[in-house]
Amino acid sequence: MDGYKVAELFSGAGLMGGGFKAAGFRSVFAAELDGKAVQTYNKNIEPVAEKWDVSEVKCDLKYDVLVAGPPCQGFSTLGRRDPKDVRNALSLKVFDWAEKHRPLVVVIENVPQFLNSDYCRELKERFEKSGYDSVSWLLNAADYGVAQNRKRSFTIFSLIGLPNKPQPCKERVTVKEAFSGLPKEANGENFHISPTPSELALARMKLIPENGDKRDLIKKAPDLCPPSWIKMGAQAVDVWGRMGLEKPANTIRCSFQSASKGRYLHPTENRVISLREGARIQGIPDDWSFVGDRTSIARQIGNGVPVPLAKAVALSITDLLKRRSSY
């Protein structure tokens, strides 16, 4: 392997870094404010992550590719989409790092709505003035070997030409395939951990069929439902929803161990999915170890880019770098 070097901003627990590592890159630095995520990164990628505020550009770094996943809450449709959200402006810090270190390629990952933001337009103007060409992709993780529908945007800035968009896989991975080999019981081994449901929660779970959700409870046992469910009716239908075995899961988020937050019930068992099952849906290898309590680990898993999707992007960047070196 050519040994291309990558640095990361907003690195999280290293899922994007894991994809680049799988594509042959070597991480030389990663900046992240979550201390537990930093420890997880250092255990599984390279011991180069630091608890670091990206507002301060680190000196004396040399790398070929800069990767950044700025906070998406201010852009996401799940949030308020507040244009004044102070977290939005953090995306502009990526340019400061690129201007300082002049990497050949910069990759910014975010929710699809980021592409329509003023911040994205501002970044493209700044990078263009600095000599970078750009291209943006909208990619669904389910098209790249991930058992999950998760759409993300990738904006690539390059000094050496533009990469080709990753080619989708021919077949999609199902939840059944992702969970293959794991005990149905969350036995606590290797982060196969799921919270024990309360008496009320268990009673609800027993009445929800595969692919079912709170609507089944409203029909079968309205006495088990809070008044707000009856009032809302068909809204938020993924709440208290079971995953389907024969298709990819919905997007896994930080709160995937709470049945009230989405379609996070195991397809057949009366529990929410375990940490390891969530990791499987994110394409995280089983030999990964996590640092933190259950809530922290779920956040580390749910916040990241699925590893196979990150690898697909990294391989496209590798091809670009190889084309450049062959001239």
Protein backbone atom coordinates (compact mmCIF):
# COMPACT_ATOMS: atom_id res chain seq x y z
CA MET A 1 0.00 0.00 0.00
CA ASP A 2 1.12 3.55 -0.75
CA GLY A 3 0.75 4.61 2.87
CA TYR A 4 -1.34 7.70 2.27
CA LYS A 5 -1.85 9.77 5.41
CA VAL A 6 -5.16 11.07 6.72
CA ALA A 7 -6.07 13.55 9.47
CA GLU A 8 -9.56 13.87 10.94
CA LEU A 9 -11.63 16.65 12.48
CA PHE A 10 -14.73 15.85 14.55
CA SER A 11 -13.51 12.26 14.40
CA GLY A 12 -15.93 10.73 16.90
CA ALA A 13 -15.06 7.19 17.90
CA GLY A 14 -13.31 6.55 14.59
CA LEU A 15 -15.90 5.01 12.27
CA MET A 16 -14.82 7.19 9.36
CA GLY A 17 -11.23 6.54 10.34
CA GLY A 18 -11.98 2.82 10.37
CA GLY A 19 -13.16 3.01 6.79
CA PHE A 20 -10.04 4.88 5.71
CA LYS A 21 -7.86 2.42 7.61
CA ALA A 22 -9.58 -0.48 5.85
CA ALA A 23 -8.76 1.25 2.55
CA GLY A 24 -5.07 1.39 3.50
CA PHE A 25 -4.72 4.92 4.90
CA ARG A 26 -2.67 5.70 8.00
CA SER A 27 -4.16 8.12 10.51
CA VAL A 28 -1.72 10.75 11.79
CA PHE A 29 -4.07 12.92 13.85
CA ALA A 30 -7.71 13.04 14.95
CA ALA A 31 -9.48 15.86 16.78
CA GLU A 32 -12.53 15.14 18.95
CA LEU A 33 -14.02 16.79 22.06
CA ASP A 34 -15.66 13.64 23.51
CA GLY A 35 -12.97 12.10 25.72
CA LYS A 36 -14.52 8.61 25.69
CA ALA A 37 -14.74 8.68 21.90
CA VAL A 38 -11.08 9.69 21.78
CA GLN A 39 -10.16 6.63 23.85
CA THR A 40 -12.24 4.37 21.61
CA TYR A 41 -10.54 5.81 18.53
CA ASN A 42 -7.10 5.21 19.99
CA LYS A 43 -7.94 1.60 20.86
CA ASN A 44 -9.15 0.68 17.39
CA ILE A 45 -7.52 2.94 14.78
CA GLU A 46 -4.19 4.49 15.79
CA PRO A 47 -3.20 6.16 19.10
CA VAL A 48 -3.22 9.60 17.48
CA ALA A 49 -6.57 11.05 18.57
CA GLU A 50 -6.62 13.96 21.01
CA LYS A 51 -9.31 15.84 22.88
CA TRP A 52 -8.93 18.90 20.71
CA ASP A 53 -10.96 21.99 19.80
CA VAL A 54 -10.85 22.32 16.01
CA SER A 55 -10.98 26.11 16.35
CA GLU A 56 -7.26 25.83 17.06
CA VAL A 57 -5.34 24.61 14.03
CA LYS A 58 -2.60 22.19 15.04
CA CYS A 59 0.82 23.04 13.69
CA ASP A 60 3.44 20.79 12.09
CA LEU A 61 1.07 18.24 10.57
CA LYS A 62 1.63 16.63 7.19
CA TYR A 63 -1.03 14.50 5.52
CA ASP A 64 -2.53 13.78 2.13
CA VAL A 65 -6.22 13.83 3.02
CA LEU A 66 -8.23 15.81 5.57
CA VAL A 67 -11.56 14.30 6.62
CA ALA A 68 -14.17 16.15 8.66
CA GLY A 69 -17.67 15.38 9.95
CA PRO A 70 -18.85 18.70 11.47
CA PRO A 71 -21.88 18.66 13.80
CA CYS A 72 -25.04 18.11 11.78
CA GLN A 73 -27.75 19.03 14.30
CA GLY A 74 -28.18 22.52 12.87
CA PHE A 75 -28.79 21.12 9.38
CA SER A 76 -30.66 17.88 10.06
CA THR A 77 -34.41 17.60 9.46
CA LEU A 78 -34.61 15.86 12.85
CA GLY A 79 -33.51 19.03 14.59
CA ARG A 80 -34.71 22.61 14.44
CA ARG A 81 -32.60 23.36 11.36
CA ASP A 82 -31.68 26.64 12.98
CA PRO A 83 -29.46 28.67 10.62
CA LYS A 84 -28.14 30.51 13.69
CA ASP A 85 -27.09 27.32 15.49
CA VAL A 86 -23.52 28.07 16.57
CA ARG A 87 -22.49 24.51 15.69
CA ASN A 88 -23.13 25.20 12.01
CA ALA A 89 -20.20 27.60 11.80
CA LEU A 90 -17.79 24.86 12.92
CA SER A 91 -17.90 23.54 9.36
CA LEU A 92 -16.01 26.67 8.24
CA LYS A 93 -13.09 25.70 10.49
CA VAL A 94 -12.28 22.89 8.08
CA PHE A 95 -11.03 25.47 5.59
CA ASP A 96 -8.63 26.92 8.17
CA TRP A 97 -6.96 23.52 8.55
CA ALA A 98 -6.79 23.01 4.80
CA GLU A 99 -5.33 26.49 4.24
CA LYS A 100 -2.68 25.82 6.89
CA HIS A 101 -1.61 22.32 5.79
CA ARG A 102 -2.62 22.23 2.09
CA PRO A 103 -3.69 18.57 1.88
CA LEU A 104 -4.27 17.21 -1.61
CA VAL A 105 -7.87 16.24 -0.81
CA VAL A 106 -10.45 17.35 1.77
CA VAL A 107 -13.62 15.36 2.51
CA ILE A 108 -16.53 16.89 4.44
CA GLU A 109 -19.29 14.49 5.50
CA ASN A 110 -22.69 15.65 6.72
CA VAL A 111 -26.45 15.23 6.37
CA PRO A 112 -27.88 15.83 2.87
CA GLN A 113 -29.36 19.19 3.93
CA PHE A 114 -25.85 20.54 4.48
CA LEU A 115 -25.44 20.88 0.71
CA ASN A 116 -28.17 23.53 0.59
CA SER A 117 -26.76 25.58 3.45
CA ASP A 118 -25.02 28.94 3.31
CA TYR A 119 -22.07 27.29 5.05
CA CYS A 120 -21.58 24.82 2.25
CA ARG A 121 -21.73 27.60 -0.32
CA GLU A 122 -19.25 29.64 1.71
CA LEU A 123 -16.87 26.70 1.94
CA LYS A 124 -17.01 26.10 -1.81
CA GLU A 125 -16.21 29.77 -2.46
CA ARG A 126 -13.26 29.74 -0.07
CA PHE A 127 -11.83 26.47 -1.37
CA GLU A 128 -12.24 27.55 -4.99
CA LYS A 129 -10.32 30.77 -4.33
CA SER A 130 -7.63 28.63 -2.71
CA GLY A 131 -7.23 26.47 -5.81
CA TYR A 132 -9.41 23.47 -4.97
CA ASP A 133 -11.97 21.89 -7.30
CA SER A 134 -15.06 20.36 -5.69
CA VAL A 135 -17.77 17.76 -6.16
CA SER A 136 -20.60 16.63 -3.88
CA TRP A 137 -22.17 13.18 -3.56
CA LEU A 138 -25.32 11.95 -1.87
CA LEU A 139 -24.75 8.35 -0.83
CA ASN A 140 -26.98 5.82 0.92
CA ALA A 141 -25.07 3.44 3.19
CA ALA A 142 -27.42 0.61 2.15
CA ASP A 143 -25.88 0.78 -1.34
CA TYR A 144 -22.39 0.09 0.03
CA GLY A 145 -22.67 -3.09 2.08
CA VAL A 146 -24.35 -1.63 5.17
CA ALA A 147 -27.52 -3.12 6.69
CA GLN A 148 -29.01 0.34 7.10
CA ASN A 149 -30.67 3.07 5.08
CA ARG A 150 -28.58 6.10 5.95
CA LYS A 151 -28.18 8.96 3.48
CA ARG A 152 -25.19 11.24 3.87
CA SER A 153 -23.53 13.96 1.83
CA PHE A 154 -19.85 13.96 0.96
CA THR A 155 -18.24 17.09 -0.43
CA ILE A 156 -14.76 16.58 -1.81
CA PHE A 157 -12.28 19.40 -2.41
CA SER A 158 -9.18 18.50 -4.39
CA LEU A 159 -5.99 20.02 -5.75
CA ILE A 160 -5.38 17.04 -8.06
CA GLY A 161 -8.63 16.56 -9.98
CA LEU A 162 -11.89 15.00 -8.87
CA PRO A 163 -12.54 11.42 -7.75
CA ASN A 164 -15.10 9.09 -9.27
CA LYS A 165 -18.29 8.46 -7.32
CA PRO A 166 -18.17 5.07 -5.54
CA GLN A 167 -20.03 2.31 -7.36
CA PRO A 168 -22.91 0.75 -5.38
CA CYS A 169 -22.92 -2.92 -4.42
CA LYS A 170 -25.21 -5.21 -6.39
CA GLU A 171 -27.08 -6.54 -3.37
CA ARG A 172 -28.15 -5.00 -0.07
CA VAL A 173 -27.29 -6.45 3.33
CA THR A 174 -30.28 -7.32 5.53
CA VAL A 175 -30.65 -7.05 9.29
CA LYS A 176 -30.77 -10.84 9.40
CA GLU A 177 -27.38 -11.05 7.70
CA ALA A 178 -25.94 -8.34 9.93
CA PHE A 179 -27.02 -10.16 13.11
CA SER A 180 -25.91 -13.59 11.88
CA GLY A 181 -23.91 -15.49 14.50
CA LEU A 182 -24.97 -13.35 17.45
CA PRO A 183 -27.00 -15.04 20.23
CA LYS A 184 -30.63 -13.95 20.26
CA GLU A 185 -30.20 -13.28 23.95
CA ALA A 186 -28.14 -10.18 24.71
CA ASN A 187 -25.68 -12.06 26.91
CA GLY A 188 -23.35 -9.17 27.69
CA GLU A 189 -20.38 -10.64 25.85
CA ASN A 190 -18.39 -8.36 23.54
CA PHE A 191 -20.83 -5.46 24.03
CA HIS A 192 -23.87 -7.60 23.19
CA ILE A 193 -25.67 -5.55 25.84
CA SER A 194 -29.30 -4.45 25.93
CA PRO A 195 -31.18 -2.76 28.79
CA THR A 196 -33.69 -4.90 30.67
CA PRO A 197 -37.18 -3.61 29.81
CA SER A 198 -39.57 -2.48 32.51
CA GLU A 199 -42.75 -4.46 33.18
CA LEU A 200 -44.78 -2.01 31.07
CA ALA A 201 -42.21 -1.99 28.26
CA LEU A 202 -42.11 -5.79 28.16
CA ALA A 203 -45.89 -5.98 27.99
CA ARG A 204 -45.83 -3.64 24.99
CA MET A 205 -43.02 -5.50 23.24
CA LYS A 206 -44.86 -8.81 23.46
CA LEU A 207 -47.73 -7.36 21.41
CA ILE A 208 -45.65 -5.82 18.61
CA PRO A 209 -45.16 -8.14 15.59
CA GLU A 210 -42.18 -8.08 13.23
CA ASN A 211 -42.24 -4.82 11.26
CA GLY A 212 -44.92 -3.60 13.68
CA ASP A 213 -44.91 -0.46 15.81
CA LYS A 214 -46.99 1.62 18.20
CA ARG A 215 -49.98 1.45 15.87
CA ASP A 216 -50.32 -2.23 16.68
CA LEU A 217 -50.36 -1.39 20.37
CA ILE A 218 -53.02 1.27 19.89
CA LYS A 219 -55.23 -1.32 18.20
CA LYS A 220 -54.52 -4.27 20.49
CA ALA A 221 -54.03 -2.71 23.90
CA PRO A 222 -54.91 0.99 24.14
CA ASP A 223 -54.69 0.64 27.92
CA LEU A 224 -50.91 0.18 27.52
CA CYS A 225 -50.60 3.38 25.52
CA PRO A 226 -50.19 6.94 26.85
CA PRO A 227 -52.93 9.41 25.83
CA SER A 228 -50.46 11.24 23.59
CA TRP A 229 -50.23 8.20 21.28
CA ILE A 230 -53.96 8.13 20.78
CA LYS A 231 -53.97 11.87 20.15
CA MET A 232 -51.10 11.78 17.65
CA GLY A 233 -52.47 8.78 15.79
CA ALA A 234 -50.33 7.85 12.78
CA GLN A 235 -47.59 10.38 13.49
CA ALA A 236 -44.09 9.14 14.44
CA VAL A 237 -44.92 5.61 13.36
CA ASP A 238 -41.40 4.29 13.98
CA VAL A 239 -41.78 4.81 17.72
CA TRP A 240 -41.82 1.42 19.45
CA GLY A 241 -41.15 -0.18 16.08
CA ARG A 242 -39.57 -3.54 15.30
CA MET A 243 -36.89 -3.91 12.68
CA GLY A 244 -37.58 -6.18 9.73
CA LEU A 245 -35.27 -9.15 9.27
CA GLU A 246 -35.24 -9.25 5.49
CA LYS A 247 -34.28 -5.65 4.74
CA PRO A 248 -31.83 -2.96 5.91
CA ALA A 249 -32.67 -1.13 9.11
CA ASN A 250 -33.73 2.48 9.35
CA THR A 251 -31.03 4.97 10.29
CA ILE A 252 -29.38 4.11 13.61
CA ARG A 253 -29.03 7.15 15.86
CA CYS A 254 -27.49 7.83 19.25
CA SER A 255 -30.64 6.80 21.14
CA PHE A 256 -31.03 3.38 19.50
CA GLN A 257 -31.30 1.67 22.89
CA SER A 258 -34.58 3.44 23.62
CA ALA A 259 -37.76 1.99 22.11
CA SER A 260 -39.45 5.39 22.35
CA LYS A 261 -36.92 6.98 19.98
CA GLY A 262 -37.43 4.92 16.84
CA ARG A 263 -37.62 1.52 15.17
CA TYR A 264 -35.10 -0.06 17.47
CA LEU A 265 -36.83 -3.20 18.74
CA HIS A 266 -35.13 -6.47 17.85
CA PRO A 267 -36.94 -8.21 14.95
CA THR A 268 -38.01 -11.19 17.06
CA GLU A 269 -36.85 -10.67 20.67
CA ASN A 270 -38.63 -8.58 23.30
CA ARG A 271 -35.87 -6.02 23.76
CA VAL A 272 -34.18 -3.17 21.93
CA ILE A 273 -31.14 -4.05 19.90
CA SER A 274 -27.86 -4.46 21.73
CA LEU A 275 -24.78 -2.27 21.43
CA ARG A 276 -23.08 -4.95 19.33
CA GLU A 277 -26.11 -5.27 17.08
CA GLY A 278 -26.08 -1.50 16.62
CA ALA A 279 -22.39 -1.72 15.79
CA ARG A 280 -23.09 -4.50 13.27
CA ILE A 281 -25.68 -2.29 11.57
CA GLN A 282 -23.02 0.43 11.35
CA GLY A 283 -20.58 -2.05 9.78
CA ILE A 284 -18.23 -1.93 12.78
CA PRO A 285 -16.06 -5.07 13.05
CA ASP A 286 -16.61 -7.36 16.03
CA ASP A 287 -13.03 -6.92 17.20
CA TRP A 288 -13.70 -3.26 18.00
CA SER A 289 -13.75 -2.38 21.68
CA PHE A 290 -15.51 0.68 23.14
CA VAL A 291 -14.77 2.95 26.11
CA GLY A 292 -17.55 4.47 28.20
CA ASP A 293 -20.91 3.61 29.75
CA ARG A 294 -23.80 2.24 27.71
CA THR A 295 -25.19 5.69 26.83
CA SER A 296 -21.77 6.95 25.75
CA ILE A 297 -21.10 3.88 23.61
CA ALA A 298 -24.50 4.10 21.92
CA ARG A 299 -23.72 7.73 21.09
CA GLN A 300 -20.32 6.77 19.66
CA ILE A 301 -21.93 4.12 17.46
CA GLY A 302 -24.90 6.20 16.33
CA ASN A 303 -22.89 9.36 15.61
CA GLY A 304 -20.53 7.79 13.09
CA VAL A 305 -20.41 7.12 9.37
CA PRO A 306 -20.93 3.40 8.66
CA VAL A 307 -17.49 1.88 8.20
CA PRO A 308 -18.13 0.25 4.78
CA LEU A 309 -19.52 3.53 3.43
CA ALA A 310 -16.43 5.37 4.66
CA LYS A 311 -14.25 2.70 3.05
CA ALA A 312 -16.03 3.13 -0.30
CA VAL A 313 -15.34 6.88 -0.21
CA ALA A 314 -11.74 6.27 0.87
CA LEU A 315 -11.14 3.87 -2.03
CA SER A 316 -12.35 6.51 -4.49
CA ILE A 317 -9.89 8.96 -2.96
CA THR A 318 -7.15 6.33 -3.19
CA ASP A 319 -7.81 5.89 -6.91
CA LEU A 320 -7.52 9.65 -7.38
CA LEU A 321 -4.22 9.79 -5.49
CA LYS A 322 -2.85 6.88 -7.52
CA ARG A 323 -3.83 8.55 -10.79
CA ARG A 324 -2.02 11.67 -9.71
CA SER A 325 1.15 9.79 -8.76
CA SER A 326 1.23 7.94 -12.08
CA TYR A 327 1.47 11.13 -14.15
